[in-house]
């Protein structure tokens, strides 16, 4: 089976690029997972956190605030790493794929391990993944367009940013309900 060539320029077309719906859908899902996780993070740390033997070991509200803000700081620092990886080594597409896998592993760690170790591993992986793809995704959308279909780019970016906000909005409603009804395994998963 012959390998599909890696494209270095957009396909010449006057229509919307075929990959755009997937990029937009992925971005909505990514924002849902990120903002949903953030919506329940402090509640998880102060009510659901366990020790290594399975006993309840919640953090104080003050400690949870520190963890929350350290995580947010890491998410907004790691785009520098993502940009370096994309520009110097992998390119945007492979960086998005690679760091999205890291991101998913972070959610898996939070879903499966309710201890501080699971929290540390999960938040670290999510910070690397979420922050690392930030500088790549919008640019990757723009890379799908050439001169022949460039007239569609503003329309597509409107849908792209709508999907970001829709995913974030929906997660703020649904994830706390999932946590309350089914617990952290489902809410983080």
Protein backbone atom coordinates (compact mmCIF):
# COMPACT_ATOMS: atom_id res chain seq x y z
CA UNK A 1 0.00 0.00 0.00
CA UNK A 2 1.48 3.34 -1.05
CA UNK A 3 1.74 6.08 1.54
CA UNK A 4 -0.32 9.21 1.04
CA UNK A 5 2.01 12.12 0.33
CA UNK A 6 2.28 14.82 2.97
CA UNK A 7 0.97 18.00 1.34
CA UNK A 8 3.04 21.16 1.57
CA UNK A 9 0.45 23.45 -0.02
CA UNK A 10 -3.35 23.52 -0.09
CA UNK A 11 -5.20 21.60 -2.78
CA UNK A 12 -6.31 23.99 -5.54
CA UNK A 13 -10.07 24.29 -5.22
CA UNK A 14 -12.74 26.97 -5.10
CA UNK A 15 -14.61 24.99 -2.44
CA UNK A 16 -14.17 24.55 1.27
CA UNK A 17 -11.24 22.22 2.03
CA UNK A 18 -12.40 18.72 2.97
CA UNK A 19 -10.57 18.69 6.31
CA UNK A 20 -12.20 21.83 7.71
CA UNK A 21 -15.27 20.14 9.28
CA UNK A 22 -12.95 17.75 11.12
CA UNK A 23 -10.74 20.58 12.36
CA UNK A 24 -13.76 22.58 13.55
CA UNK A 25 -15.34 19.53 15.22
CA UNK A 26 -12.08 18.63 16.91
CA UNK A 27 -11.68 22.18 18.21
CA UNK A 28 -15.21 22.15 19.68
CA UNK A 29 -14.46 18.83 21.41
CA UNK A 30 -11.08 20.07 22.65
CA UNK A 31 -12.57 23.22 24.15
CA UNK A 32 -15.40 21.17 25.69
CA UNK A 33 -12.87 18.88 27.38
CA UNK A 34 -10.64 21.73 28.55
CA UNK A 35 -13.30 24.07 29.94
CA UNK A 36 -15.35 21.19 31.30
CA UNK A 37 -12.33 19.91 33.22
CA UNK A 38 -11.61 23.42 34.53
CA UNK A 39 -15.26 23.86 35.59
CA UNK A 40 -15.05 20.92 38.00
CA UNK A 41 -11.37 20.99 38.93
CA UNK A 42 -11.61 22.87 42.23
CA UNK A 43 -14.70 20.87 43.27
CA UNK A 44 -12.82 17.66 42.46
CA UNK A 45 -9.79 18.72 44.50
CA UNK A 46 -11.86 19.81 47.52
CA UNK A 47 -14.44 16.98 47.56
CA UNK A 48 -13.40 13.94 45.52
CA UNK A 49 -9.62 13.63 45.88
CA UNK A 50 -8.50 10.33 47.42
CA UNK A 51 -5.36 9.08 49.12
CA UNK A 52 -3.39 6.05 47.89
CA UNK A 53 -5.42 3.64 50.04
CA UNK A 54 -8.76 4.85 48.64
CA UNK A 55 -9.73 7.05 51.56
CA UNK A 56 -11.03 10.57 51.18
CA UNK A 57 -8.19 13.14 51.10
CA UNK A 58 -9.60 16.44 49.84
CA UNK A 59 -7.44 19.54 49.55
CA UNK A 60 -8.16 22.73 51.41
CA UNK A 61 -9.76 25.50 49.35
CA UNK A 62 -6.50 27.46 49.56
CA UNK A 63 -4.40 24.57 48.23
CA UNK A 64 -6.93 23.94 45.46
CA UNK A 65 -6.67 27.59 44.38
CA UNK A 66 -2.89 27.31 44.18
CA UNK A 67 -3.08 24.13 42.08
CA UNK A 68 -5.73 25.69 39.82
CA UNK A 69 -3.67 28.81 39.17
CA UNK A 70 -0.43 26.89 38.67
CA UNK A 71 -2.22 24.74 36.11
CA UNK A 72 -3.59 27.80 34.29
CA UNK A 73 -0.13 29.37 34.27
CA UNK A 74 1.35 26.21 32.78
CA UNK A 75 -1.33 26.10 30.06
CA UNK A 76 -0.42 29.62 28.98
CA UNK A 77 3.34 28.98 29.13
CA UNK A 78 3.39 25.78 27.08
CA UNK A 79 2.35 27.40 23.76
CA UNK A 80 6.01 28.44 23.53
CA UNK A 81 6.98 24.77 23.60
CA UNK A 82 4.31 23.89 21.04
CA UNK A 83 5.52 26.61 18.69
CA UNK A 84 9.13 25.44 18.97
CA UNK A 85 8.15 21.81 18.38
CA UNK A 86 6.01 22.76 15.36
CA UNK A 87 8.47 25.19 13.78
CA UNK A 88 11.70 23.31 14.42
CA UNK A 89 10.73 19.64 14.37
CA UNK A 90 7.30 18.28 13.49
CA UNK A 91 5.27 20.92 11.68
CA UNK A 92 1.82 22.06 12.77
CA UNK A 93 -0.20 18.98 11.82
CA UNK A 94 2.08 16.41 13.48
CA UNK A 95 2.44 18.64 16.55
CA UNK A 96 -1.35 18.87 16.85
CA UNK A 97 -1.72 15.09 16.53
CA UNK A 98 1.14 14.27 18.93
CA UNK A 99 0.17 16.74 21.62
CA UNK A 100 -3.52 15.87 21.30
CA UNK A 101 -2.57 12.33 22.28
CA UNK A 102 -0.67 13.72 25.28
CA UNK A 103 -3.75 15.81 26.09
CA UNK A 104 -6.03 12.74 25.98
CA UNK A 105 -3.64 10.83 28.23
CA UNK A 106 -3.99 13.66 30.75
CA UNK A 107 -7.76 13.29 30.77
CA UNK A 108 -7.33 9.53 31.10
CA UNK A 109 -5.08 10.02 34.14
CA UNK A 110 -7.69 12.26 35.79
CA UNK A 111 -10.50 9.84 34.95
CA UNK A 112 -8.71 6.74 36.27
CA UNK A 113 -6.69 7.99 39.25
CA UNK A 114 -8.36 10.18 41.90
CA UNK A 115 -5.15 10.63 43.94
CA UNK A 116 -2.74 13.57 44.01
CA UNK A 117 -0.42 11.58 41.75
CA UNK A 118 -3.21 11.16 39.19
CA UNK A 119 -4.03 14.84 39.54
CA UNK A 120 -0.40 15.86 39.04
CA UNK A 121 0.13 13.59 36.04
CA UNK A 122 -3.22 14.51 34.50
CA UNK A 123 -2.84 18.27 34.86
CA UNK A 124 0.77 18.18 33.65
CA UNK A 125 -0.15 16.24 30.51
CA UNK A 126 -3.19 18.44 29.84
CA UNK A 127 -1.11 21.61 30.25
CA UNK A 128 1.48 20.30 27.79
CA UNK A 129 -1.16 19.11 25.31
CA UNK A 130 -3.62 22.01 25.52
CA UNK A 131 -0.96 24.68 25.57
CA UNK A 132 1.19 22.95 22.99
CA UNK A 133 -1.53 22.85 20.34
CA UNK A 134 -2.65 26.47 20.89
CA UNK A 135 -0.15 28.10 18.50
CA UNK A 136 -0.80 25.48 15.83
CA UNK A 137 -4.54 25.03 15.39
CA UNK A 138 -5.59 28.46 14.06
CA UNK A 139 -2.59 28.55 11.74
CA UNK A 140 -3.43 25.03 10.55
CA UNK A 141 -6.93 26.22 9.62
CA UNK A 142 -5.42 29.03 7.55
CA UNK A 143 -3.01 26.61 5.87
CA UNK A 144 -5.96 24.78 4.32
CA UNK A 145 -6.69 27.72 2.02
CA UNK A 146 -5.00 28.97 -1.11
CA UNK A 147 -5.65 31.73 -3.62
CA UNK A 148 -8.57 29.94 -5.28
CA UNK A 149 -10.61 29.43 -2.10
CA UNK A 150 -9.23 32.22 0.08
CA UNK A 151 -12.56 34.02 -0.17
CA UNK A 152 -13.99 31.41 2.24
CA UNK A 153 -11.47 31.92 5.03
CA UNK A 154 -13.38 34.58 6.99
CA UNK A 155 -16.54 32.43 6.92
CA UNK A 156 -14.58 29.39 8.13
CA UNK A 157 -12.87 31.30 10.94
CA UNK A 158 -16.30 32.53 12.08
CA UNK A 159 -17.43 28.89 12.33
CA UNK A 160 -14.12 27.92 13.93
CA UNK A 161 -14.47 30.49 16.71
CA UNK A 162 -18.16 29.69 17.12
CA UNK A 163 -17.21 26.04 17.68
CA UNK A 164 -14.68 27.06 20.33
CA UNK A 165 -17.27 29.09 22.22
CA UNK A 166 -20.02 26.52 21.77
CA UNK A 167 -17.82 23.72 23.12
CA UNK A 168 -16.79 25.86 26.09
CA UNK A 169 -20.40 26.91 26.80
CA UNK A 170 -21.80 23.40 26.59
CA UNK A 171 -19.12 22.02 28.89
CA UNK A 172 -19.95 24.55 31.62
CA UNK A 173 -23.49 23.15 31.72
CA UNK A 174 -22.85 19.44 31.21
CA UNK A 175 -19.63 18.61 33.06
CA UNK A 176 -20.81 19.65 36.56
CA UNK A 177 -23.94 17.53 36.02
CA UNK A 178 -21.78 14.57 34.95
CA UNK A 179 -19.62 14.99 38.05
CA UNK A 180 -22.64 15.16 40.33
CA UNK A 181 -24.49 12.20 38.79
CA UNK A 182 -21.67 9.87 37.73
CA UNK A 183 -18.51 11.02 39.52
CA UNK A 184 -15.06 12.08 38.33
CA UNK A 185 -14.41 8.95 36.23
CA UNK A 186 -17.13 9.97 33.78
CA UNK A 187 -16.81 13.74 34.16
CA UNK A 188 -13.07 13.77 33.39
CA UNK A 189 -13.30 10.95 30.84
